C-alpha atoms as a PDB file:
ATOM      1  CA  MET A   1       0.000   0.000   0.000  1.00  0.00           C
ATOM      2  CA  GLN A   2       1.304   3.392  -0.930  1.00  0.00           C
ATOM      3  CA  PRO A   3       1.389   6.154   1.717  1.00  0.00           C
ATOM      4  CA  SER A   4      -1.069   8.159  -0.397  1.00  0.00           C
ATOM      5  CA  GLU A   5      -3.525   5.225  -0.347  1.00  0.00           C
ATOM      6  CA  PHE A   6      -3.122   4.909   3.403  1.00  0.00           C
ATOM      7  CA  LEU A   7      -3.842   8.621   3.885  1.00  0.00           C
ATOM      8  CA  LYS A   8      -6.955   8.385   1.709  1.00  0.00           C
ATOM      9  CA  ILE A   9      -8.302   5.616   3.966  1.00  0.00           C
ATOM     10  CA  VAL A  10      -7.459   7.531   7.139  1.00  0.00           C
ATOM     11  CA  HIS A  11      -9.117  10.688   5.787  1.00  0.00           C
ATOM     12  CA  PHE A  12     -12.241   8.697   4.940  1.00  0.00           C
ATOM     13  CA  SER A  13     -12.438   7.214   8.432  1.00  0.00           C
ATOM     14  CA  GLU A  14     -12.316  10.715   9.935  1.00  0.00           C
ATOM     15  CA  LYS A  15     -15.927  11.167   8.812  1.00  0.00           C
ATOM     16  CA  LEU A  16     -16.995   8.980  11.722  1.00  0.00           C
ATOM     17  CA  LYS A  17     -15.736  11.618  14.164  1.00  0.00           C
ATOM     18  CA  ASP A  18     -18.449  13.958  12.861  1.00  0.00           C
ATOM     19  CA  THR A  19     -21.134  11.333  12.297  1.00  0.00           C
ATOM     20  CA  THR A  20     -23.296  11.585  15.388  1.00  0.00           C
ATOM     21  CA  ARG A  21     -25.370   8.866  16.950  1.00  0.00           C
ATOM     22  CA  HIS A  22     -28.787   9.062  18.515  1.00  0.00           C
ATOM     23  CA  CYS A  23     -27.391   8.719  22.043  1.00  0.00           C
ATOM     24  CA  THR A  24     -25.773  11.427  24.128  1.00  0.00           C
ATOM     25  CA  THR A  25     -22.790  11.377  26.450  1.00  0.00           C
ATOM     26  CA  SER A  26     -23.112  11.835  30.199  1.00  0.00           C
ATOM     27  CA  ASN A  27     -22.737  15.601  29.632  1.00  0.00           C
ATOM     28  CA  GLY A  28     -25.601  15.636  27.127  1.00  0.00           C
ATOM     29  CA  ARG A  29     -23.480  15.973  23.955  1.00  0.00           C
ATOM     30  CA  ARG A  30     -24.391  13.687  21.072  1.00  0.00           C
ATOM     31  CA  GLU A  31     -21.758  10.985  20.756  1.00  0.00           C
ATOM     32  CA  SER A  32     -20.040  10.192  17.486  1.00  0.00           C
ATOM     33  CA  VAL A  33     -19.889   6.859  15.724  1.00  0.00           C
ATOM     34  CA  ALA A  34     -16.108   6.957  16.219  1.00  0.00           C
ATOM     35  CA  GLU A  35     -16.557   7.244  19.995  1.00  0.00           C
ATOM     36  CA  HIS A  36     -18.905   4.260  20.040  1.00  0.00           C
ATOM     37  CA  SER A  37     -16.498   2.170  17.932  1.00  0.00           C
ATOM     38  CA  TRP A  38     -13.585   3.176  20.145  1.00  0.00           C
ATOM     39  CA  ARG A  39     -15.370   2.152  23.313  1.00  0.00           C
ATOM     40  CA  ILE A  40     -16.518  -1.248  22.120  1.00  0.00           C
ATOM     41  CA  SER A  41     -12.927  -1.856  20.946  1.00  0.00           C
ATOM     42  CA  LEU A  42     -11.690  -0.916  24.409  1.00  0.00           C
ATOM     43  CA  MET A  43     -14.293  -3.196  25.983  1.00  0.00           C
ATOM     44  CA  ALA A  44     -13.033  -6.073  23.820  1.00  0.00           C
ATOM     45  CA  LEU A  45      -9.445  -5.394  24.888  1.00  0.00           C
ATOM     46  CA  PHE A  46     -10.446  -5.445  28.553  1.00  0.00           C
ATOM     47  CA  LEU A  47     -12.200  -8.802  28.069  1.00  0.00           C
ATOM     48  CA  ARG A  48      -9.131 -10.649  26.785  1.00  0.00           C
ATOM     49  CA  THR A  49      -8.800 -12.718  29.984  1.00  0.00           C
ATOM     50  CA  GLU A  50     -12.550 -13.443  30.162  1.00  0.00           C
ATOM     51  CA  PHE A  51     -12.490 -14.994  26.678  1.00  0.00           C
ATOM     52  CA  PRO A  52      -9.057 -16.664  26.356  1.00  0.00           C
ATOM     53  CA  GLU A  53     -10.376 -19.031  23.686  1.00  0.00           C
ATOM     54  CA  LEU A  54     -11.133 -16.141  21.313  1.00  0.00           C
ATOM     55  CA  ASP A  55      -8.851 -14.090  19.087  1.00  0.00           C
ATOM     56  CA  ILE A  56      -9.449 -10.764  20.817  1.00  0.00           C
ATOM     57  CA  ASP A  57      -7.310  -8.899  18.282  1.00  0.00           C
ATOM     58  CA  LYS A  58      -9.818 -10.033  15.651  1.00  0.00           C
ATOM     59  CA  VAL A  59     -12.721  -8.909  17.855  1.00  0.00           C
ATOM     60  CA  ILE A  60     -11.064  -5.487  18.247  1.00  0.00           C
ATOM     61  CA  ALA A  61     -10.658  -5.248  14.466  1.00  0.00           C
ATOM     62  CA  MET A  62     -14.343  -6.089  14.030  1.00  0.00           C
ATOM     63  CA  CYS A  63     -15.295  -3.428  16.554  1.00  0.00           C
ATOM     64  CA  LEU A  64     -13.155  -0.839  14.790  1.00  0.00           C
ATOM     65  CA  ILE A  65     -14.643  -1.401  11.331  1.00  0.00           C
ATOM     66  CA  HIS A  66     -18.232  -2.356  12.143  1.00  0.00           C
ATOM     67  CA  ASP A  67     -19.772   1.081  11.602  1.00  0.00           C
ATOM     68  CA  LEU A  68     -17.549   2.397   8.789  1.00  0.00           C
ATOM     69  CA  GLY A  69     -20.544   2.122   6.472  1.00  0.00           C
ATOM     70  CA  GLU A  70     -22.195   4.881   8.483  1.00  0.00           C
ATOM     71  CA  ALA A  71     -19.675   7.300   6.979  1.00  0.00           C
ATOM     72  CA  PHE A  72     -21.887   7.003   3.876  1.00  0.00           C
ATOM     73  CA  THR A  73     -25.343   6.819   5.423  1.00  0.00           C
ATOM     74  CA  GLY A  74     -25.075   8.430   8.829  1.00  0.00           C
ATOM     75  CA  ASP A  75     -26.283   6.658  11.949  1.00  0.00           C
ATOM     76  CA  ILE A  76     -29.852   5.424  11.955  1.00  0.00           C
ATOM     77  CA  PRO A  77     -31.088   4.297  15.394  1.00  0.00           C
ATOM     78  CA  SER A  78     -31.814   0.563  15.492  1.00  0.00           C
ATOM     79  CA  PHE A  79     -35.495   1.198  16.160  1.00  0.00           C
ATOM     80  CA  ASN A  80     -35.773   3.239  12.935  1.00  0.00           C
ATOM     81  CA  LYS A  81     -33.416   1.243  10.688  1.00  0.00           C
ATOM     82  CA  THR A  82     -35.129  -0.707   7.911  1.00  0.00           C
ATOM     83  CA  GLU A  83     -33.888  -3.641   5.844  1.00  0.00           C
ATOM     84  CA  LYS A  84     -33.503  -1.205   2.955  1.00  0.00           C
ATOM     85  CA  ASP A  85     -31.312   1.057   5.125  1.00  0.00           C
ATOM     86  CA  GLU A  86     -29.165  -1.940   6.076  1.00  0.00           C
ATOM     87  CA  HIS A  87     -28.859  -3.021   2.441  1.00  0.00           C
ATOM     88  CA  VAL A  88     -27.794   0.464   1.306  1.00  0.00           C
ATOM     89  CA  GLU A  89     -25.202   0.761   4.092  1.00  0.00           C
ATOM     90  CA  ASP A  90     -23.906  -2.742   3.412  1.00  0.00           C
ATOM     91  CA  SER A  91     -23.590  -2.239  -0.344  1.00  0.00           C
ATOM     92  CA  LEU A  92     -21.843   1.136   0.006  1.00  0.00           C
ATOM     93  CA  PHE A  93     -19.450  -0.286   2.582  1.00  0.00           C
ATOM     94  CA  ARG A  94     -18.665  -3.329   0.412  1.00  0.00           C
ATOM     95  CA  LYS A  95     -18.059  -1.094  -2.604  1.00  0.00           C
ATOM     96  CA  TRP A  96     -15.650   0.997  -0.520  1.00  0.00           C
ATOM     97  CA  ILE A  97     -13.858  -2.128   0.779  1.00  0.00           C
ATOM     98  CA  GLU A  98     -13.408  -3.344  -2.789  1.00  0.00           C
ATOM     99  CA  SER A  99     -11.802   0.001  -3.714  1.00  0.00           C
ATOM    100  CA  LEU A 100      -9.025  -0.504  -1.149  1.00  0.00           C
ATOM    101  CA  PRO A 101      -5.608  -1.938  -2.033  1.00  0.00           C
ATOM    102  CA  GLU A 102      -5.978  -5.704  -2.642  1.00  0.00           C
ATOM    103  CA  SER A 103      -4.091  -6.890   0.464  1.00  0.00           C
ATOM    104  CA  LEU A 104      -6.241  -4.729   2.724  1.00  0.00           C
ATOM    105  CA  SER A 105      -9.461  -5.242   0.784  1.00  0.00           C
ATOM    106  CA  SER A 106      -9.428  -9.034   1.021  1.00  0.00           C
ATOM    107  CA  ASN A 107      -8.610  -8.989   4.756  1.00  0.00           C
ATOM    108  CA  ILE A 108     -11.377  -6.517   5.605  1.00  0.00           C
ATOM    109  CA  LEU A 109     -13.901  -8.240   3.357  1.00  0.00           C
ATOM    110  CA  ASN A 110     -13.169 -11.608   5.024  1.00  0.00           C
ATOM    111  CA  LEU A 111     -13.544  -9.995   8.437  1.00  0.00           C
ATOM    112  CA  TYR A 112     -16.789  -8.305   7.392  1.00  0.00           C
ATOM    113  CA  GLU A 113     -18.178 -11.590   6.039  1.00  0.00           C
ATOM    114  CA  GLU A 114     -17.373 -13.290   9.352  1.00  0.00           C
ATOM    115  CA  MET A 115     -19.051 -10.469  11.254  1.00  0.00           C
ATOM    116  CA  SER A 116     -22.161 -10.665   9.080  1.00  0.00           C
ATOM    117  CA  ALA A 117     -22.480 -14.444   9.438  1.00  0.00           C
ATOM    118  CA  LEU A 118     -22.334 -14.246  13.269  1.00  0.00           C
ATOM    119  CA  LYS A 119     -21.198 -17.864  13.536  1.00  0.00           C
ATOM    120  CA  THR A 120     -17.811 -17.523  15.241  1.00  0.00           C
ATOM    121  CA  GLY A 121     -17.229 -16.658  18.876  1.00  0.00           C
ATOM    122  CA  GLU A 122     -15.358 -13.543  17.762  1.00  0.00           C
ATOM    123  CA  ALA A 123     -18.290 -12.295  15.687  1.00  0.00           C
ATOM    124  CA  LYS A 124     -20.749 -13.052  18.478  1.00  0.00           C
ATOM    125  CA  LEU A 125     -18.640 -11.161  21.018  1.00  0.00           C
ATOM    126  CA  TYR A 126     -18.265  -8.132  18.740  1.00  0.00           C
ATOM    127  CA  LYS A 127     -22.049  -8.049  18.148  1.00  0.00           C
ATOM    128  CA  ALA A 128     -22.837  -8.394  21.856  1.00  0.00           C
ATOM    129  CA  LEU A 129     -20.451  -5.547  22.718  1.00  0.00           C
ATOM    130  CA  ASP A 130     -21.972  -3.369  19.991  1.00  0.00           C
ATOM    131  CA  LYS A 131     -25.439  -3.793  21.462  1.00  0.00           C
ATOM    132  CA  ILE A 132     -24.617  -3.556  25.152  1.00  0.00           C
ATOM    133  CA  GLU A 133     -22.348  -0.522  24.755  1.00  0.00           C
ATOM    134  CA  ALA A 134     -25.357   1.359  23.388  1.00  0.00           C
ATOM    135  CA  VAL A 135     -27.340   0.467  26.513  1.00  0.00           C
ATOM    136  CA  ILE A 136     -24.440   1.434  28.768  1.00  0.00           C
ATOM    137  CA  GLN A 137     -24.212   4.788  26.986  1.00  0.00           C
ATOM    138  CA  HIS A 138     -27.928   5.373  27.398  1.00  0.00           C
ATOM    139  CA  ASN A 139     -27.583   4.608  31.094  1.00  0.00           C
ATOM    140  CA  GLU A 140     -24.842   7.238  31.268  1.00  0.00           C
ATOM    141  CA  SER A 141     -26.783   9.849  29.318  1.00  0.00           C
ATOM    142  CA  PRO A 142     -29.303  12.216  30.899  1.00  0.00           C
ATOM    143  CA  LEU A 143     -32.716  10.579  31.209  1.00  0.00           C
ATOM    144  CA  GLU A 144     -34.331  13.556  29.486  1.00  0.00           C
ATOM    145  CA  SER A 145     -32.379  12.648  26.323  1.00  0.00           C
ATOM    146  CA  TRP A 146     -34.158   9.271  26.087  1.00  0.00           C
ATOM    147  CA  SER A 147     -36.977   8.868  23.604  1.00  0.00           C
ATOM    148  CA  GLU A 148     -40.164   7.294  24.952  1.00  0.00           C
ATOM    149  CA  ASN A 149     -39.480   3.875  23.414  1.00  0.00           C
ATOM    150  CA  GLU A 150     -36.040   3.657  25.047  1.00  0.00           C
ATOM    151  CA  TYR A 151     -37.510   3.113  28.500  1.00  0.00           C
ATOM    152  CA  GLN A 152     -38.528  -0.365  27.318  1.00  0.00           C
ATOM    153  CA  LEU A 153     -35.793  -0.861  24.714  1.00  0.00           C
ATOM    154  CA  ASN A 154     -33.002  -0.331  27.269  1.00  0.00           C
ATOM    155  CA  LYS A 155     -34.432  -3.221  29.289  1.00  0.00           C
ATOM    156  CA  ILE A 156     -34.250  -5.757  26.439  1.00  0.00           C
ATOM    157  CA  TYR A 157     -31.713  -4.510  23.873  1.00  0.00           C
ATOM    158  CA  GLY A 158     -28.809  -6.922  23.419  1.00  0.00           C
ATOM    159  CA  MET A 159     -30.332  -9.704  25.527  1.00  0.00           C
ATOM    160  CA  ASN A 160     -30.320 -12.198  22.641  1.00  0.00           C
ATOM    161  CA  GLU A 161     -26.760 -11.333  21.620  1.00  0.00           C
ATOM    162  CA  VAL A 162     -25.277 -12.207  25.025  1.00  0.00           C
ATOM    163  CA  LYS A 163     -26.902 -15.658  25.333  1.00  0.00           C
ATOM    164  CA  PHE A 164     -23.782 -17.499  24.130  1.00  0.00           C
ATOM    165  CA  SER A 165     -21.787 -16.501  27.244  1.00  0.00           C
ATOM    166  CA  GLU A 166     -22.606 -16.856  30.945  1.00  0.00           C
ATOM    167  CA  TRP A 167     -20.241 -13.972  31.709  1.00  0.00           C
ATOM    168  CA  LEU A 168     -22.008 -11.673  29.221  1.00  0.00           C
ATOM    169  CA  ILE A 169     -25.408 -12.709  30.575  1.00  0.00           C
ATOM    170  CA  LYS A 170     -24.260 -11.583  34.028  1.00  0.00           C
ATOM    171  CA  LEU A 171     -22.890  -8.340  32.584  1.00  0.00           C
ATOM    172  CA  ARG A 172     -26.168  -7.669  30.775  1.00  0.00           C
ATOM    173  CA  GLN A 173     -28.040  -8.229  34.049  1.00  0.00           C
ATOM    174  CA  GLU A 174     -25.801  -5.650  35.769  1.00  0.00           C
ATOM    175  CA  ILE A 175     -26.545  -3.217  32.943  1.00  0.00           C
ATOM    176  CA  LEU A 176     -30.276  -3.910  33.311  1.00  0.00           C
ATOM    177  CA  ASN A 177     -29.997  -3.172  37.041  1.00  0.00           C
ATOM    178  CA  GLU A 178     -28.418   0.191  36.163  1.00  0.00           C
ATOM    179  CA  THR A 179     -31.234   0.889  33.689  1.00  0.00           C
ATOM    180  CA  LEU A 180     -33.956   0.107  36.218  1.00  0.00           C
ATOM    181  CA  SER A 181     -32.230   2.217  38.858  1.00  0.00           C
ATOM    182  CA  LYS A 182     -31.879   5.145  36.460  1.00  0.00           C
ATOM    183  CA  ILE A 183     -35.545   4.977  35.471  1.00  0.00           C
ATOM    184  CA  GLU A 184     -36.659   4.707  39.103  1.00  0.00           C
ATOM    185  CA  ASP A 185     -34.427   7.610  40.160  1.00  0.00           C
ATOM    186  CA  GLY A 186     -35.810   9.683  37.278  1.00  0.00           C
ATOM    187  CA  GLU A 187     -39.397   8.917  38.227  1.00  0.00           C
ATOM    188  CA  ASN A 188     -38.653   9.808  41.854  1.00  0.00           C
ATOM    189  CA  THR A 189     -37.173  13.135  40.714  1.00  0.00           C
ATOM    190  CA  ILE A 190     -40.289  13.870  38.631  1.00  0.00           C
ATOM    191  CA  ARG A 191     -42.583  13.031  41.585  1.00  0.00           C
ATOM    192  CA  LYS A 192     -40.586  15.403  43.845  1.00  0.00           C
ATOM    193  CA  CYS A 193     -40.999  18.216  41.329  1.00  0.00           C
ATOM    194  CA  VAL A 194     -44.781  17.771  41.045  1.00  0.00           C
END
């Protein structure tokens, strides 16, 4: 790969710094797709000893590239995303992957295919982290930034994705406890104000 090709790829990925997600940070600022991808990558790194049978470097790579397609389409919240939206994002991302230098293109395409199939432990872990990080972020964001449907969605989102791991099931339960506590605290605050 030529340095100019490398720079072109890096410049493209910068778009994710300005592509905002539906969720806000704990200070109420809308988070970027890049921030979400960074944190699930960090989560994967921290789980290396919990999943010694998995190739965590591969999981981190999956986490880093999983939302690159949103540089084309923007972020669409899961509760609004249609099959057509997913198809458009997927096809644009695949077209971009194919435009990369051959050595990089084939590696990323193979990784993306593995992620899409969700059959390997690595792909399952990446997908679980993607889902539960969103719930964690919602728990950290101000309750007034939640849309009405998120009160229920935060209770169930990512539950299916963690089923392959007892450790992740326990983590998801801890996250649910945080969600319920946040909702209860918010309702108590509203009652005090009335």
